[in-house]
C-alpha cells in the first residue's frame, strides 16, 4: 500500500467487536457462496444464511462481477488510446448495461457523433424494445440537459463531454488518485458513486499495458466511501477519535488476513497469475462495507434490500467460469486449494 496507516491501535480499539466479527463472517460467507457456485459447481442454495439466500449482494471481489469483466475485456483491452478508454468506461458506467454498450460498439472520441449515438439508443429502446439503461441505481445529474427524454439528455451529456478534449488528458496527468476522481466528479451526470466506479475501472491491470492500468495508480492508493460504505462504517466504529473513514478502511485492508485467522475463517481468496492469494483491495473493502450495511440492516430488522436474488434469472456457474477463464491477472482457485 502506498500510504502507511495512522494510529492502528486506536482504530482497532474504536471498532465494535461483535460488528467487526460479523463483517468478516459476512464477506467470507458471501465469497464462499461464489466459490461453491462457480468453483465447486454446486446447485443452489449455496449457503444456510437466509439473508444471503433471499437477497442479492454483489461479489466481494468487484472484478468478479460480469459487468466489470466486460469493462476489462471489452474496453480496457481494446487496441485504442487511453483517452478513448476513459470515455468508454464513463459511457458504460452511466448507461450501466453491458448489452447496450456492446450494441453501440467501442466509441472513438475523434468520431463520436451525438446525433448518431442518440439515434442508436432510441432504435434499441423504441424499435427493438430493449432496455437501454440499468435499473440498479438512479442517475439524475443530466436532467439539466433540457429534455424529458433520458436518451436525449444522455446524448447531450456525452456531446458536451467530448467537446472538452482537455479533460481526458488532465485525467491521465493527474497527480493523485483523488485528483483524478475530482476531475471525473466535475463532469455532468457523474456524482460520487459513478465517479468512483469509473475510477476503479481505470485501475485494473490489463495485458494490453503489460499489467499496468489506464491510470498510473493503485486501487489501494485512495478510496471514496460512498453513502452505503459510510453507513457500514457507522455500524463498525463506536467513535471516530482523531482519524477518518479512510483510515478505518485502510486498517481493514491491511489486517484482513490476521482477522480471518483470528476468527478461524476459511476465506477463498482469488489468486494472482503466480498462484498467490489476491487480497481484497481498498476498493473492494469499500464495496464490502456497502454490502455489509445492507446485510446488517436486514439482520437487525432495520430495513430490506431493494433487490432479491432469483436463481432462475442468474448466470450459471459454467457461464461465470467461462468469463473468468479469459480474465487477465486473476485466476480462479482450483477446488483442492480451499
C-alpha atoms as a PDB file:
ATOM      1  CA  UNK A   1       0.000   0.000   0.000  1.00  0.00           C
ATOM      2  CA  UNK A   2       1.261   3.438  -0.857  1.00  0.00           C
ATOM      3  CA  UNK A   3       0.367   5.130   2.427  1.00  0.00           C
ATOM      4  CA  UNK A   4       1.117   3.969   5.941  1.00  0.00           C
ATOM      5  CA  UNK A   5      -1.622   3.614   8.499  1.00  0.00           C
ATOM      6  CA  UNK A   6      -2.025   6.174  11.264  1.00  0.00           C
ATOM      7  CA  UNK A   7      -2.951   5.167  14.815  1.00  0.00           C
ATOM      8  CA  UNK A   8      -3.687   1.499  14.075  1.00  0.00           C
ATOM      9  CA  UNK A   9      -4.182   0.598  17.757  1.00  0.00           C
ATOM     10  CA  UNK A  10      -6.640   3.445  18.269  1.00  0.00           C
ATOM     11  CA  UNK A  11      -8.541   2.393  15.169  1.00  0.00           C
ATOM     12  CA  UNK A  12      -8.791  -1.211  16.341  1.00  0.00           C
ATOM     13  CA  UNK A  13      -9.954  -0.131  19.782  1.00  0.00           C
ATOM     14  CA  UNK A  14     -12.680   2.022  18.237  1.00  0.00           C
ATOM     15  CA  UNK A  15     -14.313  -0.897  16.409  1.00  0.00           C
ATOM     16  CA  UNK A  16     -17.264  -2.708  17.918  1.00  0.00           C
ATOM     17  CA  UNK A  17     -16.021  -6.270  18.397  1.00  0.00           C
ATOM     18  CA  UNK A  18     -19.250  -8.081  17.580  1.00  0.00           C
ATOM     19  CA  UNK A  19     -19.936  -5.973  14.492  1.00  0.00           C
ATOM     20  CA  UNK A  20     -16.367  -6.385  13.267  1.00  0.00           C
ATOM     21  CA  UNK A  21     -16.665 -10.158  13.618  1.00  0.00           C
ATOM     22  CA  UNK A  22     -19.955 -10.057  11.720  1.00  0.00           C
ATOM     23  CA  UNK A  23     -18.332  -8.052   8.921  1.00  0.00           C
ATOM     24  CA  UNK A  24     -15.601 -10.632   8.360  1.00  0.00           C
ATOM     25  CA  UNK A  25     -18.062 -13.522   8.660  1.00  0.00           C
ATOM     26  CA  UNK A  26     -20.418 -11.886   6.165  1.00  0.00           C
ATOM     27  CA  UNK A  27     -17.813 -11.319   3.473  1.00  0.00           C
ATOM     28  CA  UNK A  28     -16.359 -14.802   3.996  1.00  0.00           C
ATOM     29  CA  UNK A  29     -19.747 -16.450   3.580  1.00  0.00           C
ATOM     30  CA  UNK A  30     -20.551 -14.283   0.554  1.00  0.00           C
ATOM     31  CA  UNK A  31     -17.270 -15.328  -1.075  1.00  0.00           C
ATOM     32  CA  UNK A  32     -17.955 -18.946  -0.116  1.00  0.00           C
ATOM     33  CA  UNK A  33     -21.272 -18.674  -1.981  1.00  0.00           C
ATOM     34  CA  UNK A  34     -19.338 -17.667  -5.080  1.00  0.00           C
ATOM     35  CA  UNK A  35     -16.823 -20.476  -4.558  1.00  0.00           C
ATOM     36  CA  UNK A  36     -19.449 -23.188  -4.085  1.00  0.00           C
ATOM     37  CA  UNK A  37     -21.383 -21.955  -7.095  1.00  0.00           C
ATOM     38  CA  UNK A  38     -18.547 -21.355  -9.558  1.00  0.00           C
ATOM     39  CA  UNK A  39     -15.574 -23.436  -8.466  1.00  0.00           C
ATOM     40  CA  UNK A  40     -17.350 -26.455  -6.984  1.00  0.00           C
ATOM     41  CA  UNK A  41     -20.332 -26.279  -9.322  1.00  0.00           C
ATOM     42  CA  UNK A  42     -22.840 -26.911  -6.541  1.00  0.00           C
ATOM     43  CA  UNK A  43     -26.544 -26.366  -7.027  1.00  0.00           C
ATOM     44  CA  UNK A  44     -28.379 -23.731  -5.005  1.00  0.00           C
ATOM     45  CA  UNK A  45     -28.751 -22.983  -2.212  1.00  0.00           C
ATOM     46  CA  UNK A  46     -25.056 -22.312  -1.706  1.00  0.00           C
ATOM     47  CA  UNK A  47     -25.443 -21.177   1.908  1.00  0.00           C
ATOM     48  CA  UNK A  48     -27.508 -21.744   5.033  1.00  0.00           C
ATOM     49  CA  UNK A  49     -27.689 -17.990   5.592  1.00  0.00           C
ATOM     50  CA  UNK A  50     -31.309 -16.984   4.983  1.00  0.00           C
ATOM     51  CA  UNK A  51     -30.412 -13.403   4.103  1.00  0.00           C
ATOM     52  CA  UNK A  52     -27.826 -14.412   1.519  1.00  0.00           C
ATOM     53  CA  UNK A  53     -30.303 -16.889   0.080  1.00  0.00           C
ATOM     54  CA  UNK A  54     -33.052 -14.315  -0.356  1.00  0.00           C
ATOM     55  CA  UNK A  55     -31.314 -11.062  -1.249  1.00  0.00           C
ATOM     56  CA  UNK A  56     -28.846 -10.081  -3.902  1.00  0.00           C
ATOM     57  CA  UNK A  57     -25.388  -8.929  -2.785  1.00  0.00           C
ATOM     58  CA  UNK A  58     -22.578  -8.003  -5.117  1.00  0.00           C
ATOM     59  CA  UNK A  59     -19.396 -10.055  -5.195  1.00  0.00           C
ATOM     60  CA  UNK A  60     -16.775  -9.498  -2.527  1.00  0.00           C
ATOM     61  CA  UNK A  61     -14.264  -9.030  -5.334  1.00  0.00           C
ATOM     62  CA  UNK A  62     -15.650  -6.346  -7.613  1.00  0.00           C
ATOM     63  CA  UNK A  63     -13.652  -7.810 -10.503  1.00  0.00           C
ATOM     64  CA  UNK A  64     -15.814 -10.955 -10.359  1.00  0.00           C
ATOM     65  CA  UNK A  65     -18.897  -9.032 -11.462  1.00  0.00           C
ATOM     66  CA  UNK A  66     -19.657  -9.845 -15.121  1.00  0.00           C
ATOM     67  CA  UNK A  67     -20.186  -6.132 -15.793  1.00  0.00           C
ATOM     68  CA  UNK A  68     -16.708  -5.333 -14.517  1.00  0.00           C
ATOM     69  CA  UNK A  69     -15.197  -8.141 -16.563  1.00  0.00           C
ATOM     70  CA  UNK A  70     -16.955  -6.704 -19.592  1.00  0.00           C
ATOM     71  CA  UNK A  71     -15.176  -3.399 -18.938  1.00  0.00           C
ATOM     72  CA  UNK A  72     -11.821  -5.119 -18.529  1.00  0.00           C
ATOM     73  CA  UNK A  73     -12.064  -7.448 -21.505  1.00  0.00           C
ATOM     74  CA  UNK A  74     -14.049  -5.338 -23.978  1.00  0.00           C
ATOM     75  CA  UNK A  75     -12.959  -1.794 -23.166  1.00  0.00           C
ATOM     76  CA  UNK A  76      -9.622  -1.773 -21.329  1.00  0.00           C
ATOM     77  CA  UNK A  77      -8.094  -4.487 -23.519  1.00  0.00           C
ATOM     78  CA  UNK A  78      -9.122  -2.829 -26.799  1.00  0.00           C
ATOM     79  CA  UNK A  79      -6.354  -1.509 -29.051  1.00  0.00           C
ATOM     80  CA  UNK A  80      -7.206   2.168 -28.582  1.00  0.00           C
ATOM     81  CA  UNK A  81      -5.937   5.281 -26.842  1.00  0.00           C
ATOM     82  CA  UNK A  82      -6.159   5.717 -23.094  1.00  0.00           C
ATOM     83  CA  UNK A  83      -8.394   8.736 -23.698  1.00  0.00           C
ATOM     84  CA  UNK A  84     -10.847   6.614 -25.675  1.00  0.00           C
ATOM     85  CA  UNK A  85     -10.859   4.009 -22.921  1.00  0.00           C
ATOM     86  CA  UNK A  86     -11.676   6.608 -20.271  1.00  0.00           C
ATOM     87  CA  UNK A  87     -14.526   7.847 -22.453  1.00  0.00           C
ATOM     88  CA  UNK A  88     -15.937   4.363 -22.997  1.00  0.00           C
ATOM     89  CA  UNK A  89     -15.755   3.469 -19.320  1.00  0.00           C
ATOM     90  CA  UNK A  90     -17.638   6.648 -18.454  1.00  0.00           C
ATOM     91  CA  UNK A  91     -20.215   5.896 -21.129  1.00  0.00           C
ATOM     92  CA  UNK A  92     -20.610   2.306 -19.980  1.00  0.00           C
ATOM     93  CA  UNK A  93     -20.943   3.185 -16.297  1.00  0.00           C
ATOM     94  CA  UNK A  94     -23.515   5.919 -16.905  1.00  0.00           C
ATOM     95  CA  UNK A  95     -25.640   3.627 -19.092  1.00  0.00           C
ATOM     96  CA  UNK A  96     -24.978   0.687 -16.796  1.00  0.00           C
ATOM     97  CA  UNK A  97     -25.845  -2.142 -19.177  1.00  0.00           C
ATOM     98  CA  UNK A  98     -23.152  -4.115 -20.957  1.00  0.00           C
ATOM     99  CA  UNK A  99     -25.676  -5.198 -23.602  1.00  0.00           C
ATOM    100  CA  UNK A 100     -26.219  -1.557 -24.563  1.00  0.00           C
ATOM    101  CA  UNK A 101     -22.514  -0.767 -24.818  1.00  0.00           C
ATOM    102  CA  UNK A 102     -21.971  -3.949 -26.797  1.00  0.00           C
ATOM    103  CA  UNK A 103     -24.765  -2.887 -29.162  1.00  0.00           C
ATOM    104  CA  UNK A 104     -23.237   0.587 -29.608  1.00  0.00           C
ATOM    105  CA  UNK A 105     -19.704  -0.727 -30.010  1.00  0.00           C
ATOM    106  CA  UNK A 106     -16.488   0.839 -28.762  1.00  0.00           C
ATOM    107  CA  UNK A 107     -16.687   4.607 -29.237  1.00  0.00           C
ATOM    108  CA  UNK A 108     -13.876   6.828 -30.520  1.00  0.00           C
ATOM    109  CA  UNK A 109     -13.574  10.418 -29.326  1.00  0.00           C
ATOM    110  CA  UNK A 110     -12.498  11.575 -32.767  1.00  0.00           C
ATOM    111  CA  UNK A 111     -15.508  10.006 -34.493  1.00  0.00           C
ATOM    112  CA  UNK A 112     -18.176  10.386 -31.809  1.00  0.00           C
ATOM    113  CA  UNK A 113     -21.438  11.707 -33.241  1.00  0.00           C
ATOM    114  CA  UNK A 114     -24.005  12.589 -30.563  1.00  0.00           C
ATOM    115  CA  UNK A 115     -26.904  12.548 -33.044  1.00  0.00           C
ATOM    116  CA  UNK A 116     -25.998   9.060 -34.267  1.00  0.00           C
ATOM    117  CA  UNK A 117     -25.467   7.924 -30.681  1.00  0.00           C
ATOM    118  CA  UNK A 118     -28.924   9.180 -29.743  1.00  0.00           C
ATOM    119  CA  UNK A 119     -30.492   7.515 -32.778  1.00  0.00           C
ATOM    120  CA  UNK A 120     -28.885   4.173 -31.915  1.00  0.00           C
ATOM    121  CA  UNK A 121     -30.165   4.301 -28.333  1.00  0.00           C
ATOM    122  CA  UNK A 122     -33.664   5.243 -29.454  1.00  0.00           C
ATOM    123  CA  UNK A 123     -33.671   2.455 -32.018  1.00  0.00           C
ATOM    124  CA  UNK A 124     -32.685  -0.065 -29.373  1.00  0.00           C
ATOM    125  CA  UNK A 125     -35.310   1.261 -26.968  1.00  0.00           C
ATOM    126  CA  UNK A 126     -38.217   2.020 -29.312  1.00  0.00           C
ATOM    127  CA  UNK A 127     -37.781  -0.341 -32.249  1.00  0.00           C
ATOM    128  CA  UNK A 128     -36.069  -3.327 -30.664  1.00  0.00           C
ATOM    129  CA  UNK A 129     -37.938  -2.881 -27.361  1.00  0.00           C
ATOM    130  CA  UNK A 130     -34.767  -3.486 -25.365  1.00  0.00           C
ATOM    131  CA  UNK A 131     -33.892  -1.964 -22.015  1.00  0.00           C
ATOM    132  CA  UNK A 132     -31.220   0.672 -22.549  1.00  0.00           C
ATOM    133  CA  UNK A 133     -30.295   1.799 -19.054  1.00  0.00           C
ATOM    134  CA  UNK A 134     -29.731  -0.065 -15.808  1.00  0.00           C
ATOM    135  CA  UNK A 135     -32.260  -0.006 -13.015  1.00  0.00           C
ATOM    136  CA  UNK A 136     -29.625  -0.723 -10.366  1.00  0.00           C
ATOM    137  CA  UNK A 137     -29.196   2.915  -9.364  1.00  0.00           C
ATOM    138  CA  UNK A 138     -30.730   6.287 -10.033  1.00  0.00           C
ATOM    139  CA  UNK A 139     -28.952   8.823 -12.211  1.00  0.00           C
ATOM    140  CA  UNK A 140     -30.268  12.386 -12.318  1.00  0.00           C
ATOM    141  CA  UNK A 141     -27.231  14.572 -12.905  1.00  0.00           C
ATOM    142  CA  UNK A 142     -28.124  15.033 -16.574  1.00  0.00           C
ATOM    143  CA  UNK A 143     -31.651  16.417 -16.009  1.00  0.00           C
ATOM    144  CA  UNK A 144     -30.429  19.955 -16.639  1.00  0.00           C
ATOM    145  CA  UNK A 145     -29.763  18.997 -20.272  1.00  0.00           C
ATOM    146  CA  UNK A 146     -33.286  20.195 -21.042  1.00  0.00           C
ATOM    147  CA  UNK A 147     -35.224  17.203 -22.338  1.00  0.00           C
ATOM    148  CA  UNK A 148     -37.810  14.943 -20.744  1.00  0.00           C
ATOM    149  CA  UNK A 149     -36.294  12.062 -22.726  1.00  0.00           C
ATOM    150  CA  UNK A 150     -33.489  10.309 -20.849  1.00  0.00           C
ATOM    151  CA  UNK A 151     -31.809   9.183 -24.067  1.00  0.00           C
ATOM    152  CA  UNK A 152     -31.690  12.738 -25.402  1.00  0.00           C
ATOM    153  CA  UNK A 153     -30.240  14.042 -22.134  1.00  0.00           C
ATOM    154  CA  UNK A 154     -27.544  11.368 -22.036  1.00  0.00           C
ATOM    155  CA  UNK A 155     -26.625  12.034 -25.677  1.00  0.00           C
ATOM    156  CA  UNK A 156     -26.344  15.748 -24.906  1.00  0.00           C
ATOM    157  CA  UNK A 157     -24.213  14.988 -21.860  1.00  0.00           C
ATOM    158  CA  UNK A 158     -21.679  12.983 -23.865  1.00  0.00           C
ATOM    159  CA  UNK A 159     -21.713  15.557 -26.645  1.00  0.00           C
ATOM    160  CA  UNK A 160     -20.683  18.109 -24.029  1.00  0.00           C
ATOM    161  CA  UNK A 161     -18.064  15.783 -22.557  1.00  0.00           C
ATOM    162  CA  UNK A 162     -16.403  15.064 -25.904  1.00  0.00           C
ATOM    163  CA  UNK A 163     -16.245  18.779 -26.673  1.00  0.00           C
ATOM    164  CA  UNK A 164     -13.790  19.206 -23.780  1.00  0.00           C
ATOM    165  CA  UNK A 165     -10.755  17.396 -25.148  1.00  0.00           C
ATOM    166  CA  UNK A 166      -8.569  18.637 -22.278  1.00  0.00           C
ATOM    167  CA  UNK A 167     -10.488  16.648 -19.676  1.00  0.00           C
ATOM    168  CA  UNK A 168      -9.135  13.268 -20.798  1.00  0.00           C
ATOM    169  CA  UNK A 169      -5.538  14.478 -20.909  1.00  0.00           C
ATOM    170  CA  UNK A 170      -5.942  16.070 -17.488  1.00  0.00           C
ATOM    171  CA  UNK A 171      -7.260  12.831 -16.037  1.00  0.00           C
ATOM    172  CA  UNK A 172      -4.209  10.969 -17.352  1.00  0.00           C
ATOM    173  CA  UNK A 173      -1.871  13.636 -15.969  1.00  0.00           C
ATOM    174  CA  UNK A 174      -3.483  13.803 -12.508  1.00  0.00           C
ATOM    175  CA  UNK A 175      -1.013  13.965  -9.629  1.00  0.00           C
ATOM    176  CA  UNK A 176      -3.055  11.688  -7.384  1.00  0.00           C
ATOM    177  CA  UNK A 177      -5.952   9.275  -7.473  1.00  0.00           C
ATOM    178  CA  UNK A 178      -8.072  11.769  -5.565  1.00  0.00           C
ATOM    179  CA  UNK A 179      -7.307  14.449  -8.159  1.00  0.00           C
ATOM    180  CA  UNK A 180      -8.389  12.079 -10.943  1.00  0.00           C
ATOM    181  CA  UNK A 181     -11.587  11.367  -9.037  1.00  0.00           C
ATOM    182  CA  UNK A 182     -12.294  15.084  -8.630  1.00  0.00           C
ATOM    183  CA  UNK A 183     -11.884  15.603 -12.368  1.00  0.00           C
ATOM    184  CA  UNK A 184     -14.394  12.860 -13.168  1.00  0.00           C
ATOM    185  CA  UNK A 185     -16.707  14.075 -10.411  1.00  0.00           C
ATOM    186  CA  UNK A 186     -16.791  17.525 -12.013  1.00  0.00           C
ATOM    187  CA  UNK A 187     -18.375  16.177 -15.200  1.00  0.00           C
ATOM    188  CA  UNK A 188     -22.163  16.455 -15.663  1.00  0.00           C
ATOM    189  CA  UNK A 189     -24.016  13.326 -14.618  1.00  0.00           C
ATOM    190  CA  UNK A 190     -21.157  11.863 -12.564  1.00  0.00           C
ATOM    191  CA  UNK A 191     -21.892  12.004  -8.874  1.00  0.00           C
ATOM    192  CA  UNK A 192     -19.833  10.439  -6.103  1.00  0.00           C
ATOM    193  CA  UNK A 193     -20.904   6.874  -6.822  1.00  0.00           C
ATOM    194  CA  UNK A 194     -20.441   6.817 -10.597  1.00  0.00           C
ATOM    195  CA  UNK A 195     -17.199   8.777 -10.412  1.00  0.00           C
ATOM    196  CA  UNK A 196     -15.643   6.275  -8.048  1.00  0.00           C
ATOM    197  CA  UNK A 197     -16.904   3.286 -10.048  1.00  0.00           C
ATOM    198  CA  UNK A 198     -15.366   4.791 -13.179  1.00  0.00           C
ATOM    199  CA  UNK A 199     -12.131   5.481 -11.348  1.00  0.00           C
ATOM    200  CA  UNK A 200     -11.777   1.914 -10.065  1.00  0.00           C
ATOM    201  CA  UNK A 201     -12.372   0.509 -13.556  1.00  0.00           C
ATOM    202  CA  UNK A 202      -9.421   2.523 -14.819  1.00  0.00           C
ATOM    203  CA  UNK A 203      -7.111   0.962 -12.210  1.00  0.00           C
ATOM    204  CA  UNK A 204      -7.349  -2.693 -13.241  1.00  0.00           C
ATOM    205  CA  UNK A 205      -4.171  -4.238 -14.645  1.00  0.00           C
ATOM    206  CA  UNK A 206      -4.597  -5.354 -18.240  1.00  0.00           C
ATOM    207  CA  UNK A 207      -2.499  -7.337 -20.683  1.00  0.00           C
ATOM    208  CA  UNK A 208      -2.629  -4.512 -23.214  1.00  0.00           C
ATOM    209  CA  UNK A 209      -0.317  -2.494 -20.939  1.00  0.00           C
ATOM    210  CA  UNK A 210       1.717  -5.499 -19.732  1.00  0.00           C
ATOM    211  CA  UNK A 211      -0.004  -5.473 -16.368  1.00  0.00           C
ATOM    212  CA  UNK A 212      -0.284  -1.721 -15.957  1.00  0.00           C
ATOM    213  CA  UNK A 213      -3.585   0.163 -15.873  1.00  0.00           C
ATOM    214  CA  UNK A 214      -5.052   3.092 -17.791  1.00  0.00           C
ATOM    215  CA  UNK A 215      -4.362   5.407 -14.863  1.00  0.00           C
ATOM    216  CA  UNK A 216      -0.988   5.022 -13.207  1.00  0.00           C
ATOM    217  CA  UNK A 217      -2.303   4.431  -9.691  1.00  0.00           C
ATOM    218  CA  UNK A 218      -3.278   1.513  -7.477  1.00  0.00           C
ATOM    219  CA  UNK A 219      -6.781   0.849  -6.080  1.00  0.00           C
ATOM    220  CA  UNK A 220      -5.048   0.821  -2.685  1.00  0.00           C
ATOM    221  CA  UNK A 221      -3.841   4.426  -3.018  1.00  0.00           C
ATOM    222  CA  UNK A 222      -7.111   6.082  -2.033  1.00  0.00           C
ATOM    223  CA  UNK A 223     -10.827   5.474  -1.791  1.00  0.00           C
ATOM    224  CA  UNK A 224     -14.012   7.492  -1.649  1.00  0.00           C
ATOM    225  CA  UNK A 225     -16.504   5.760   0.655  1.00  0.00           C
ATOM    226  CA  UNK A 226     -19.952   6.135  -0.849  1.00  0.00           C
ATOM    227  CA  UNK A 227     -23.141   6.559   1.183  1.00  0.00           C
ATOM    228  CA  UNK A 228     -23.545   2.808   1.715  1.00  0.00           C
ATOM    229  CA  UNK A 229     -19.925   2.333   2.786  1.00  0.00           C
ATOM    230  CA  UNK A 230     -20.223   5.281   5.165  1.00  0.00           C
ATOM    231  CA  UNK A 231     -23.250   3.647   6.752  1.00  0.00           C
ATOM    232  CA  UNK A 232     -21.353   0.385   7.006  1.00  0.00           C
ATOM    233  CA  UNK A 233     -18.518   2.164   8.769  1.00  0.00           C
ATOM    234  CA  UNK A 234     -21.004   3.781  11.133  1.00  0.00           C
ATOM    235  CA  UNK A 235     -22.059   0.307  12.248  1.00  0.00           C
ATOM    236  CA  UNK A 236     -18.431  -0.696  12.843  1.00  0.00           C
ATOM    237  CA  UNK A 237     -16.958   2.362  14.527  1.00  0.00           C
ATOM    238  CA  UNK A 238     -18.051   3.343  18.017  1.00  0.00           C
ATOM    239  CA  UNK A 239     -16.277   6.720  17.797  1.00  0.00           C
ATOM    240  CA  UNK A 240     -14.027   8.455  15.270  1.00  0.00           C
ATOM    241  CA  UNK A 241     -11.287   9.646  17.594  1.00  0.00           C
ATOM    242  CA  UNK A 242      -8.715  11.593  15.614  1.00  0.00           C
ATOM    243  CA  UNK A 243      -8.978   9.569  12.395  1.00  0.00           C
ATOM    244  CA  UNK A 244     -11.312   9.492   9.409  1.00  0.00           C
ATOM    245  CA  UNK A 245     -13.284   6.879   7.484  1.00  0.00           C
ATOM    246  CA  UNK A 246     -10.470   6.247   5.046  1.00  0.00           C
ATOM    247  CA  UNK A 247      -8.121   5.357   7.909  1.00  0.00           C
ATOM    248  CA  UNK A 248     -10.566   2.694   9.090  1.00  0.00           C
ATOM    249  CA  UNK A 249     -10.847   1.307   5.580  1.00  0.00           C
ATOM    250  CA  UNK A 250      -7.072   1.143   5.348  1.00  0.00           C
ATOM    251  CA  UNK A 251      -6.972  -0.748   8.648  1.00  0.00           C
ATOM    252  CA  UNK A 252      -9.464  -3.287   7.316  1.00  0.00           C
ATOM    253  CA  UNK A 253      -7.443  -3.595   4.111  1.00  0.00           C
ATOM    254  CA  UNK A 254      -4.152  -4.197   5.861  1.00  0.00           C
ATOM    255  CA  UNK A 255      -5.369  -6.532   8.617  1.00  0.00           C
ATOM    256  CA  UNK A 256      -7.741  -8.768   6.660  1.00  0.00           C
ATOM    257  CA  UNK A 257      -5.573 -11.894   6.777  1.00  0.00           C
ATOM    258  CA  UNK A 258      -4.932 -11.737  10.517  1.00  0.00           C
ATOM    259  CA  UNK A 259      -8.625 -11.071  11.102  1.00  0.00           C
ATOM    260  CA  UNK A 260      -9.590 -14.132   9.074  1.00  0.00           C
ATOM    261  CA  UNK A 261      -7.033 -16.113  11.084  1.00  0.00           C
ATOM    262  CA  UNK A 262      -8.306 -14.697  14.379  1.00  0.00           C
ATOM    263  CA  UNK A 263     -11.821 -15.894  13.608  1.00  0.00           C
ATOM    264  CA  UNK A 264     -10.639 -19.139  12.003  1.00  0.00           C
ATOM    265  CA  UNK A 265     -12.392 -18.204   8.780  1.00  0.00           C
ATOM    266  CA  UNK A 266     -11.574 -20.057   5.561  1.00  0.00           C
ATOM    267  CA  UNK A 267     -11.779 -17.177   3.117  1.00  0.00           C
ATOM    268  CA  UNK A 268     -11.437 -18.394  -0.502  1.00  0.00           C
ATOM    269  CA  UNK A 269      -9.089 -15.811  -1.944  1.00  0.00           C
ATOM    270  CA  UNK A 270      -8.721 -15.388  -5.648  1.00  0.00           C
ATOM    271  CA  UNK A 271      -5.199 -15.948  -6.886  1.00  0.00           C
ATOM    272  CA  UNK A 272      -2.680 -13.920  -8.798  1.00  0.00           C
ATOM    273  CA  UNK A 273      -1.271 -15.343 -12.009  1.00  0.00           C
ATOM    274  CA  UNK A 274       1.642 -16.598  -9.902  1.00  0.00           C
ATOM    275  CA  UNK A 275      -0.780 -18.541  -7.681  1.00  0.00           C
ATOM    276  CA  UNK A 276      -0.506 -16.284  -4.639  1.00  0.00           C
ATOM    277  CA  UNK A 277      -3.576 -15.188  -2.656  1.00  0.00           C
ATOM    278  CA  UNK A 278      -5.075 -11.979  -4.040  1.00  0.00           C
ATOM    279  CA  UNK A 279      -6.064  -9.933  -1.006  1.00  0.00           C
ATOM    280  CA  UNK A 280      -9.056  -7.636  -1.092  1.00  0.00           C
ATOM    281  CA  UNK A 281      -8.033  -4.195  -2.302  1.00  0.00           C
ATOM    282  CA  UNK A 282      -9.053  -0.943  -0.662  1.00  0.00           C
ATOM    283  CA  UNK A 283     -11.613  -0.539  -3.450  1.00  0.00           C
ATOM    284  CA  UNK A 284     -13.045  -3.974  -2.624  1.00  0.00           C
ATOM    285  CA  UNK A 285     -13.175  -3.134   1.076  1.00  0.00           C
ATOM    286  CA  UNK A 286     -15.203  -0.045   0.185  1.00  0.00           C
ATOM    287  CA  UNK A 287     -17.648  -2.184  -1.748  1.00  0.00           C
ATOM    288  CA  UNK A 288     -17.848  -4.769   1.046  1.00  0.00           C
ATOM    289  CA  UNK A 289     -18.757  -2.081   3.568  1.00  0.00           C
ATOM    290  CA  UNK A 290     -21.674  -1.008   1.405  1.00  0.00           C
ATOM    291  CA  UNK A 291     -22.939  -4.580   1.092  1.00  0.00           C
ATOM    292  CA  UNK A 292     -22.374  -5.162   4.801  1.00  0.00           C
ATOM    293  CA  UNK A 293     -24.615  -2.220   5.629  1.00  0.00           C
ATOM    294  CA  UNK A 294     -27.430  -3.857   3.632  1.00  0.00           C
ATOM    295  CA  UNK A 295     -26.834  -7.178   5.365  1.00  0.00           C
ATOM    296  CA  UNK A 296     -26.647  -5.581   8.810  1.00  0.00           C
ATOM    297  CA  UNK A 297     -29.910  -3.644   8.457  1.00  0.00           C
ATOM    298  CA  UNK A 298     -31.786  -6.765   7.268  1.00  0.00           C
ATOM    299  CA  UNK A 299     -30.316  -8.854  10.071  1.00  0.00           C
ATOM    300  CA  UNK A 300     -31.441  -6.325  12.666  1.00  0.00           C
ATOM    301  CA  UNK A 301     -34.825  -5.703  11.017  1.00  0.00           C
ATOM    302  CA  UNK A 302     -33.991  -2.098  10.175  1.00  0.00           C
ATOM    303  CA  UNK A 303     -34.902  -2.379   6.509  1.00  0.00           C
ATOM    304  CA  UNK A 304     -34.599  -4.616   3.493  1.00  0.00           C
ATOM    305  CA  UNK A 305     -32.568  -4.718   0.304  1.00  0.00           C
ATOM    306  CA  UNK A 306     -34.124  -3.475  -2.932  1.00  0.00           C
ATOM    307  CA  UNK A 307     -33.092  -6.484  -4.984  1.00  0.00           C
ATOM    308  CA  UNK A 308     -33.887 -10.118  -4.282  1.00  0.00           C
ATOM    309  CA  UNK A 309     -31.839 -12.962  -5.693  1.00  0.00           C
ATOM    310  CA  UNK A 310     -33.523 -15.075  -8.347  1.00  0.00           C
ATOM    311  CA  UNK A 311     -31.564 -18.197  -9.257  1.00  0.00           C
ATOM    312  CA  UNK A 312     -33.650 -18.635 -12.414  1.00  0.00           C
ATOM    313  CA  UNK A 313     -32.539 -15.210 -13.665  1.00  0.00           C
ATOM    314  CA  UNK A 314     -28.864 -15.547 -12.757  1.00  0.00           C
ATOM    315  CA  UNK A 315     -25.973 -16.748 -14.886  1.00  0.00           C
ATOM    316  CA  UNK A 316     -24.995 -20.358 -14.373  1.00  0.00           C
ATOM    317  CA  UNK A 317     -21.761 -21.293 -12.681  1.00  0.00           C
ATOM    318  CA  UNK A 318     -20.388 -22.505 -16.024  1.00  0.00           C
ATOM    319  CA  UNK A 319     -21.247 -19.190 -17.690  1.00  0.00           C
ATOM    320  CA  UNK A 320     -19.485 -17.300 -14.937  1.00  0.00           C
ATOM    321  CA  UNK A 321     -16.439 -19.526 -15.041  1.00  0.00           C
ATOM    322  CA  UNK A 322     -16.130 -19.032 -18.800  1.00  0.00           C
ATOM    323  CA  UNK A 323     -15.968 -15.280 -18.174  1.00  0.00           C
ATOM    324  CA  UNK A 324     -13.253 -15.656 -15.547  1.00  0.00           C
ATOM    325  CA  UNK A 325     -11.151 -18.039 -17.613  1.00  0.00           C
ATOM    326  CA  UNK A 326     -10.334 -15.201 -20.014  1.00  0.00           C
ATOM    327  CA  UNK A 327      -9.903 -12.564 -17.295  1.00  0.00           C
ATOM    328  CA  UNK A 328      -6.405 -11.075 -17.172  1.00  0.00           C
ATOM    329  CA  UNK A 329      -4.403 -11.030 -13.950  1.00  0.00           C
ATOM    330  CA  UNK A 330      -6.744 -13.079 -11.756  1.00  0.00           C
ATOM    331  CA  UNK A 331      -7.062 -16.806 -11.515  1.00  0.00           C
ATOM    332  CA  UNK A 332      -9.953 -18.829 -10.170  1.00  0.00           C
ATOM    333  CA  UNK A 333      -8.557 -21.154  -7.479  1.00  0.00           C
ATOM    334  CA  UNK A 334      -8.593 -24.889  -8.008  1.00  0.00           C
ATOM    335  CA  UNK A 335     -11.037 -26.802  -5.850  1.00  0.00           C
ATOM    336  CA  UNK A 336      -8.260 -28.570  -3.947  1.00  0.00           C
ATOM    337  CA  UNK A 337      -6.742 -25.245  -2.882  1.00  0.00           C
ATOM    338  CA  UNK A 338      -9.558 -24.433  -0.433  1.00  0.00           C
END
